[in-house]
Amino acid sequence: MPGSPRVLAVQNGANGDPGRFGEWLDAAGVAVDVVTAFDGSPLPPRLEHDGLIVLGGGYLPDDDDKAPWLPSARALVEQALARSVPFFGICLGGQMLASVGGGKVQGEAGPERIRRWDVERTRRRGLDLDELYASAVADDPPSRAAWREVASRFAALVRDGRSWPGRRA
């Protein structure tokens, strides 16, 4: 592929854009093309990007009745895995990876997201939103540094992966 390496990001919810992860990829020389699947924007039938990111969105990976674009997103994940295209799954995206490729996924949230959580729903689950927020604020600086490194390494995989001899087009 000529030009800069490009990553396709599947956005599954209005508040689930690539955020700072996308900014870090851009700074590392990898362009991010976002498809807002949650609003009906169609996903491509074939993955032609150098990498794939599937973002979160409050769904389970097989909630096809609530999110009719999920079969297309799963197909893109399957293509990425089959063709050794670098893939990064965040929240729903990680769960989708597990459902498509097997495995177990666990994950973390930044303070800005925790403030948008429903207080009553969180309490019903036995959690204190203020405590969660304070913990996330305390964890944010080291977490931010770690995730910046993750973004940088993913960008390197995308850039370097364009020339992998075993990579299937």
Protein backbone atom coordinates (compact mmCIF):
# COMPACT_ATOMS: atom_id res chain seq x y z
CA MET A 1 0.00 0.00 0.00
CA PRO A 2 1.44 3.38 -0.91
CA GLY A 3 1.36 6.31 1.54
CA SER A 4 1.10 6.32 5.30
CA PRO A 5 -0.05 3.20 7.11
CA ARG A 6 -3.75 3.32 7.99
CA VAL A 7 -5.82 1.71 10.71
CA LEU A 8 -9.57 1.18 10.54
CA ALA A 9 -11.30 1.96 13.86
CA VAL A 10 -14.83 0.65 14.39
CA GLN A 11 -16.73 2.98 16.74
CA ASN A 12 -19.60 1.18 18.45
CA GLY A 13 -21.06 4.01 20.54
CA ALA A 14 -21.45 7.78 20.46
CA ASN A 15 -18.99 8.27 23.32
CA GLY A 16 -16.52 5.62 22.23
CA ASP A 17 -14.19 7.32 19.76
CA PRO A 18 -10.45 6.48 19.61
CA GLY A 19 -9.64 9.47 21.87
CA ARG A 20 -6.06 9.79 22.99
CA PHE A 21 -5.20 6.33 21.64
CA GLY A 22 -6.00 7.66 18.15
CA GLU A 23 -3.97 10.79 18.85
CA TRP A 24 -0.98 8.68 19.88
CA LEU A 25 -1.27 6.53 16.75
CA ASP A 26 -1.39 9.66 14.62
CA ALA A 27 1.69 11.02 16.40
CA ALA A 28 3.42 7.68 15.69
CA GLY A 29 2.76 8.06 11.95
CA VAL A 30 -0.33 5.88 11.63
CA ALA A 31 -3.54 7.45 10.30
CA VAL A 32 -6.83 6.36 11.88
CA ASP A 33 -9.98 6.05 9.75
CA VAL A 34 -13.02 5.91 12.05
CA VAL A 35 -16.27 4.29 10.93
CA THR A 36 -19.14 5.25 13.23
CA ALA A 37 -20.94 1.93 12.88
CA PHE A 38 -23.33 2.73 15.75
CA ASP A 39 -25.02 5.42 13.64
CA GLY A 40 -25.50 3.23 10.58
CA SER A 41 -22.28 4.05 8.74
CA PRO A 42 -21.43 0.88 6.82
CA LEU A 43 -18.36 -1.16 7.57
CA PRO A 44 -16.31 -2.30 4.60
CA PRO A 45 -16.85 -5.94 3.63
CA ARG A 46 -13.09 -6.44 3.26
CA LEU A 47 -10.33 -5.20 5.54
CA GLU A 48 -7.92 -3.26 3.36
CA HIS A 49 -6.22 -1.29 6.14
CA ASP A 50 -2.87 -2.03 7.73
CA GLY A 51 -4.48 -2.52 11.14
CA LEU A 52 -7.86 -2.80 12.85
CA ILE A 53 -9.17 -1.37 16.11
CA VAL A 54 -12.58 -2.28 17.48
CA LEU A 55 -13.66 0.12 20.23
CA GLY A 56 -16.11 -0.29 23.10
CA GLY A 57 -19.79 0.47 23.02
CA GLY A 58 -21.84 -1.13 25.79
CA TYR A 59 -22.74 -4.27 23.86
CA LEU A 60 -21.74 -7.88 24.06
CA PRO A 61 -19.97 -9.24 20.98
CA ASP A 62 -23.07 -11.19 19.89
CA ASP A 63 -25.74 -8.50 20.60
CA ASP A 64 -26.69 -8.53 16.92
CA ASP A 65 -30.33 -7.70 17.66
CA LYS A 66 -29.30 -4.51 19.50
CA ALA A 67 -26.34 -3.65 17.26
CA PRO A 68 -26.92 -4.98 13.73
CA TRP A 69 -23.42 -4.00 12.53
CA LEU A 70 -21.71 -6.48 14.88
CA PRO A 71 -21.66 -9.40 12.38
CA SER A 72 -19.77 -7.14 9.95
CA ALA A 73 -17.38 -6.09 12.71
CA ARG A 74 -16.77 -9.74 13.67
CA ALA A 75 -16.07 -10.52 10.01
CA LEU A 76 -13.40 -7.80 9.97
CA VAL A 77 -11.84 -9.24 13.14
CA GLU A 78 -11.83 -12.70 11.52
CA GLN A 79 -10.10 -11.25 8.45
CA ALA A 80 -7.51 -9.48 10.59
CA LEU A 81 -6.70 -12.68 12.44
CA ALA A 82 -6.62 -14.81 9.27
CA ARG A 83 -4.36 -12.36 7.44
CA SER A 84 -2.08 -11.46 10.38
CA VAL A 85 -3.23 -7.84 10.33
CA PRO A 86 -2.47 -6.08 13.63
CA PHE A 87 -5.64 -5.93 15.72
CA PHE A 88 -6.40 -4.00 18.91
CA GLY A 89 -9.64 -4.49 20.80
CA ILE A 90 -10.81 -2.09 23.49
CA CYS A 91 -13.62 -3.27 25.79
CA LEU A 92 -16.18 -4.68 23.33
CA GLY A 93 -13.35 -5.07 20.83
CA GLY A 94 -11.40 -7.24 23.26
CA GLN A 95 -14.51 -9.29 23.98
CA MET A 96 -15.04 -9.65 20.23
CA LEU A 97 -11.49 -10.93 19.85
CA ALA A 98 -12.22 -13.50 22.54
CA SER A 99 -15.44 -14.62 20.83
CA VAL A 100 -13.81 -14.84 17.40
CA GLY A 101 -10.40 -16.21 18.36
CA GLY A 102 -10.82 -17.69 21.83
CA GLY A 103 -9.45 -16.46 25.12
CA LYS A 104 -10.36 -14.28 28.09
CA VAL A 105 -10.37 -10.49 28.17
CA GLN A 106 -10.27 -8.20 31.19
CA GLY A 107 -10.05 -4.37 31.15
CA GLU A 108 -9.77 -0.90 32.80
CA ALA A 109 -11.64 2.68 32.41
CA GLY A 110 -10.26 6.25 32.61
CA PRO A 111 -11.65 8.83 35.04
CA GLU A 112 -13.41 10.80 32.29
CA ARG A 113 -15.47 7.72 31.39
CA ILE A 114 -16.30 6.83 34.98
CA ARG A 115 -17.94 10.25 35.48
CA ARG A 116 -20.42 9.32 32.71
CA TRP A 117 -21.48 6.07 34.39
CA ASP A 118 -24.94 5.76 35.89
CA VAL A 119 -24.65 6.33 39.68
CA GLU A 120 -27.65 4.20 40.64
CA ARG A 121 -26.70 1.30 38.39
CA THR A 122 -23.18 1.38 39.83
CA ARG A 123 -24.55 1.39 43.41
CA ARG A 124 -26.84 -1.57 42.63
CA ARG A 125 -23.69 -3.48 41.69
CA GLY A 126 -22.23 -2.69 45.11
CA LEU A 127 -19.74 -0.10 43.87
CA ASP A 128 -19.18 3.49 44.92
CA LEU A 129 -18.77 5.77 41.92
CA ASP A 130 -16.79 8.37 43.89
CA GLU A 131 -14.32 5.72 45.07
CA LEU A 132 -13.97 4.35 41.55
CA TYR A 133 -13.38 7.84 40.20
CA ALA A 134 -10.76 8.66 42.88
CA SER A 135 -8.97 5.40 42.15
CA ALA A 136 -9.04 6.07 38.41
CA VAL A 137 -7.64 9.58 38.94
CA ALA A 138 -4.79 8.15 41.04
CA ASP A 139 -4.11 5.44 38.46
CA ASP A 140 -4.39 7.74 35.44
CA PRO A 141 -0.79 9.06 35.18
CA PRO A 142 0.91 5.63 35.15
CA SER A 143 -1.95 4.19 33.12
CA ARG A 144 -1.67 6.98 30.56
CA ALA A 145 2.08 6.33 30.20
CA ALA A 146 1.53 2.59 29.84
CA TRP A 147 -1.24 2.99 27.26
CA ARG A 148 0.81 5.53 25.29
CA GLU A 149 3.50 2.83 25.06
CA VAL A 150 0.87 0.28 23.97
CA ALA A 151 -0.31 2.69 21.24
CA SER A 152 3.28 3.26 20.12
CA ARG A 153 3.98 -0.47 19.90
CA PHE A 154 0.71 -1.10 18.04
CA ALA A 155 1.66 1.67 15.59
CA ALA A 156 5.03 -0.02 15.08
CA LEU A 157 3.29 -3.33 14.35
CA VAL A 158 1.07 -1.61 11.80
CA ARG A 159 4.00 0.17 10.14
CA ASP A 160 6.30 -2.85 10.19
CA GLY A 161 3.56 -5.32 9.35
CA ARG A 162 3.16 -3.87 5.88
CA SER A 163 6.33 -5.68 4.88
CA TRP A 164 6.03 -8.93 6.82
CA PRO A 165 6.91 -11.79 4.48
CA GLY A 166 4.22 -14.08 5.94
CA ARG A 167 1.47 -11.46 5.83
CA ARG A 168 -1.42 -12.49 3.64
CA ALA A 169 -3.12 -9.78 1.60
